[in-house]
Amino acid sequence: MFSKTNKPARTDSKSAATANVAPPLDAPAVNFNKTPAAGARPQGAKPFSSVGSGLVIDGNVTGSGDLHLDGTVKGDVRVNHLTVGESGSIEGKVEAETVEVRGRIVGSIQGKQVKLQATAYVEGDITHEQLAIDVGAYFQGRCLQRRPEAMQVNTGIASPAESAVAAPAPGAMNSYDMSVLSDLA
């Protein structure tokens, strides 16, 4: 064979046998067992569940983990993090820390962070701390913003204009009627 050095290639049997062997790969260790070893799950990681597009659940779904839904749920859903896929559908109340909607929800949504993707279809009120609605998403309902406790600092000093209006109670929600806002455009 060709070599970049001027030295002739060795042709002894030992070097010929090792020349055709590929070097070992530095691959990460992967556990293909269905049951993880004790302590294999990272601390604080929530279990993840997925409902396929052919599955229909008639009843409530509750849990402390994360759920990716491509099927249909006719009932309330209460999980840590919910992702409704494009083929996913929920007819009922949704409660989760974070909610990402690409599919259809008919019912109220309550979560700290709610995101409606461009393919989302939502009919119902949304109670949230943070809300993002992509262009193209359909939303019919009210937005009720709940402020985080860190932002609800009451100094006890009210201006004359503020004293005429009753101060909201801690945890109170601001309401926006989207149908009124659409008339402004």
Protein backbone atom coordinates (compact mmCIF):
# COMPACT_ATOMS: atom_id res chain seq x y z
CA MET A 1 0.00 0.00 0.00
CA PHE A 2 0.97 3.65 -0.20
CA SER A 3 2.53 5.43 2.74
CA LYS A 4 3.39 9.06 3.44
CA THR A 5 6.78 8.04 4.76
CA ASN A 6 9.67 6.71 2.77
CA LYS A 7 9.84 3.57 4.89
CA PRO A 8 8.68 0.40 3.17
CA ALA A 9 5.48 -1.14 4.54
CA ARG A 10 5.89 -4.12 6.84
CA THR A 11 4.36 -7.31 5.64
CA ASP A 12 4.70 -9.58 8.64
CA SER A 13 1.65 -11.62 9.65
CA LYS A 14 1.02 -9.77 12.94
CA SER A 15 0.74 -6.28 11.40
CA ALA A 16 -1.42 -7.62 8.53
CA ALA A 17 -3.93 -9.13 10.99
CA THR A 18 -4.32 -5.92 13.02
CA ALA A 19 -4.42 -3.62 9.99
CA ASN A 20 -7.93 -4.78 9.00
CA VAL A 21 -9.47 -4.22 12.42
CA ALA A 22 -11.31 -0.94 12.99
CA PRO A 23 -10.44 1.01 16.13
CA PRO A 24 -12.99 0.79 18.96
CA LEU A 25 -15.72 3.44 18.98
CA ASP A 26 -16.28 5.69 21.96
CA ALA A 27 -20.02 5.05 22.24
CA PRO A 28 -22.07 6.01 25.30
CA ALA A 29 -23.41 3.20 27.42
CA VAL A 30 -27.10 2.64 26.64
CA ASN A 31 -29.44 0.55 28.76
CA PHE A 32 -31.89 -1.26 26.49
CA ASN A 33 -33.56 -3.06 29.40
CA LYS A 34 -37.20 -2.16 30.00
CA THR A 35 -36.60 -1.67 33.72
CA PRO A 36 -33.94 0.90 34.56
CA ALA A 37 -31.25 0.00 37.04
CA ALA A 38 -31.64 1.36 40.56
CA GLY A 39 -30.77 5.04 40.57
CA ALA A 40 -30.53 5.21 36.75
CA ARG A 41 -33.19 7.94 36.45
CA PRO A 42 -31.79 11.44 36.99
CA GLN A 43 -32.91 13.12 40.16
CA GLY A 44 -36.10 15.12 39.68
CA ALA A 45 -36.93 13.58 36.28
CA LYS A 46 -40.62 12.93 35.78
CA PRO A 47 -41.89 9.80 34.04
CA PHE A 48 -42.96 10.36 30.43
CA SER A 49 -46.09 8.85 28.88
CA SER A 50 -47.44 8.92 25.35
CA VAL A 51 -50.94 8.25 24.03
CA GLY A 52 -50.97 7.21 20.38
CA SER A 53 -53.27 8.55 17.69
CA GLY A 54 -55.47 5.45 17.58
CA LEU A 55 -56.30 5.47 21.29
CA VAL A 56 -59.49 6.97 22.80
CA ILE A 57 -59.67 7.42 26.57
CA ASP A 58 -63.13 7.97 28.00
CA GLY A 59 -62.39 9.25 31.51
CA ASN A 60 -59.99 11.42 33.47
CA VAL A 61 -56.20 11.24 33.14
CA THR A 62 -54.10 12.24 36.18
CA GLY A 63 -50.47 11.85 37.08
CA SER A 64 -47.31 13.62 38.19
CA GLY A 65 -45.36 12.95 34.99
CA ASP A 66 -45.28 14.34 31.48
CA LEU A 67 -47.81 13.38 28.80
CA HIS A 68 -47.63 13.59 25.01
CA LEU A 69 -51.12 13.13 23.60
CA ASP A 70 -51.82 12.20 19.98
CA GLY A 71 -55.04 10.34 20.77
CA THR A 72 -58.37 11.50 22.18
CA VAL A 73 -59.32 12.07 25.82
CA LYS A 74 -62.96 12.65 26.76
CA GLY A 75 -62.45 13.83 30.32
CA ASP A 76 -60.19 16.00 32.46
CA VAL A 77 -56.39 15.88 32.16
CA ARG A 78 -54.12 16.77 35.10
CA VAL A 79 -50.36 16.19 34.64
CA ASN A 80 -47.04 18.00 35.13
CA HIS A 81 -46.32 18.83 31.47
CA LEU A 82 -48.81 18.29 28.65
CA THR A 83 -48.12 18.30 24.93
CA VAL A 84 -51.13 17.86 22.67
CA GLY A 85 -49.93 16.71 19.25
CA GLU A 86 -51.51 17.75 15.95
CA SER A 87 -53.79 14.69 15.98
CA GLY A 88 -54.48 15.00 19.74
CA SER A 89 -57.84 16.04 21.13
CA ILE A 90 -59.17 16.75 24.64
CA GLU A 91 -62.77 17.40 25.60
CA GLY A 92 -62.51 18.48 29.24
CA LYS A 93 -60.56 20.58 31.70
CA VAL A 94 -56.75 20.69 31.46
CA GLU A 95 -54.42 21.43 34.42
CA ALA A 96 -50.63 21.31 34.06
CA GLU A 97 -47.52 23.31 34.89
CA THR A 98 -46.79 23.73 31.18
CA VAL A 99 -49.20 23.14 28.30
CA GLU A 100 -48.20 23.05 24.64
CA VAL A 101 -51.10 22.68 22.19
CA ARG A 102 -50.76 21.69 18.56
CA GLY A 103 -54.08 19.86 18.40
CA ARG A 104 -57.60 20.47 19.74
CA ILE A 105 -58.86 21.29 23.24
CA VAL A 106 -62.48 22.05 24.06
CA GLY A 107 -62.50 23.07 27.71
CA SER A 108 -60.63 25.29 30.13
CA ILE A 109 -56.84 25.27 30.42
CA GLN A 110 -54.97 26.14 33.60
CA GLY A 111 -51.18 26.29 33.67
CA LYS A 112 -48.16 28.43 34.46
CA GLN A 113 -46.91 28.41 30.86
CA VAL A 114 -49.34 27.89 27.98
CA LYS A 115 -48.31 27.88 24.32
CA LEU A 116 -50.72 27.56 21.40
CA GLN A 117 -48.87 26.50 18.26
CA ALA A 118 -50.04 27.52 14.76
CA THR A 119 -52.09 24.32 14.36
CA ALA A 120 -53.88 24.66 17.73
CA TYR A 121 -57.67 24.84 18.11
CA VAL A 122 -58.82 25.89 21.59
CA GLU A 123 -62.33 26.68 22.78
CA GLY A 124 -62.33 27.65 26.45
CA ASP A 125 -60.80 29.97 29.01
CA ILE A 126 -57.06 29.92 29.65
CA THR A 127 -55.73 30.73 33.13
CA HIS A 128 -51.98 31.33 32.94
CA GLU A 129 -48.90 33.19 34.11
CA GLN A 130 -47.30 33.17 30.65
CA LEU A 131 -49.21 32.77 27.37
CA ALA A 132 -47.88 32.53 23.82
CA ILE A 133 -50.15 32.22 20.78
CA ASP A 134 -48.58 31.58 17.37
CA VAL A 135 -50.00 33.10 14.19
CA GLY A 136 -52.62 30.77 12.76
CA ALA A 137 -53.79 29.29 16.07
CA TYR A 138 -57.55 29.37 16.72
CA PHE A 139 -58.57 30.50 20.19
CA GLN A 140 -62.08 31.31 21.40
CA GLY A 141 -62.35 32.18 25.08
CA ARG A 142 -60.94 34.43 27.77
CA CYS A 143 -57.36 34.85 28.93
CA LEU A 144 -57.10 35.04 32.70
CA GLN A 145 -53.62 36.07 33.77
CA ARG A 146 -52.51 34.97 37.21
CA ARG A 147 -49.48 36.88 38.44
CA PRO A 148 -46.65 35.04 40.15
CA GLU A 149 -46.30 35.70 43.87
CA ALA A 150 -42.96 37.50 43.38
CA MET A 151 -44.69 40.20 41.30
CA GLN A 152 -47.51 40.76 43.82
CA VAL A 153 -45.64 43.16 46.08
CA ASN A 154 -47.98 45.53 47.90
CA THR A 155 -46.24 48.66 49.19
CA GLY A 156 -49.28 49.84 51.12
CA ILE A 157 -49.06 53.28 49.47
CA ALA A 158 -51.83 54.04 46.98
CA SER A 159 -52.09 56.99 44.66
CA PRO A 160 -55.44 58.86 44.52
CA ALA A 161 -56.24 57.17 41.20
CA GLU A 162 -55.48 53.72 42.64
CA SER A 163 -57.53 54.32 45.77
CA ALA A 164 -60.64 54.91 43.64
CA VAL A 165 -60.27 51.42 42.16
CA ALA A 166 -60.35 48.43 44.46
CA ALA A 167 -56.98 46.72 44.65
CA PRO A 168 -57.00 43.10 43.46
CA ALA A 169 -56.71 40.43 46.10
CA PRO A 170 -53.48 38.37 46.22
CA GLY A 171 -53.61 35.77 43.46
CA ALA A 172 -56.27 37.74 41.57
CA MET A 173 -56.50 37.36 37.84
CA ASN A 174 -56.56 39.92 35.06
CA SER A 175 -59.18 39.19 32.42
CA TYR A 176 -58.94 39.89 28.69
CA ASP A 177 -61.89 39.30 26.40
CA MET A 178 -60.33 38.29 23.07
CA SER A 179 -63.52 38.98 21.08
CA VAL A 180 -63.37 42.65 22.16
CA LEU A 181 -59.69 42.90 21.26
CA SER A 182 -60.35 41.49 17.79
CA ASP A 183 -62.78 44.37 17.11
CA LEU A 184 -59.90 46.83 17.58
CA ALA A 185 -57.88 45.46 14.66
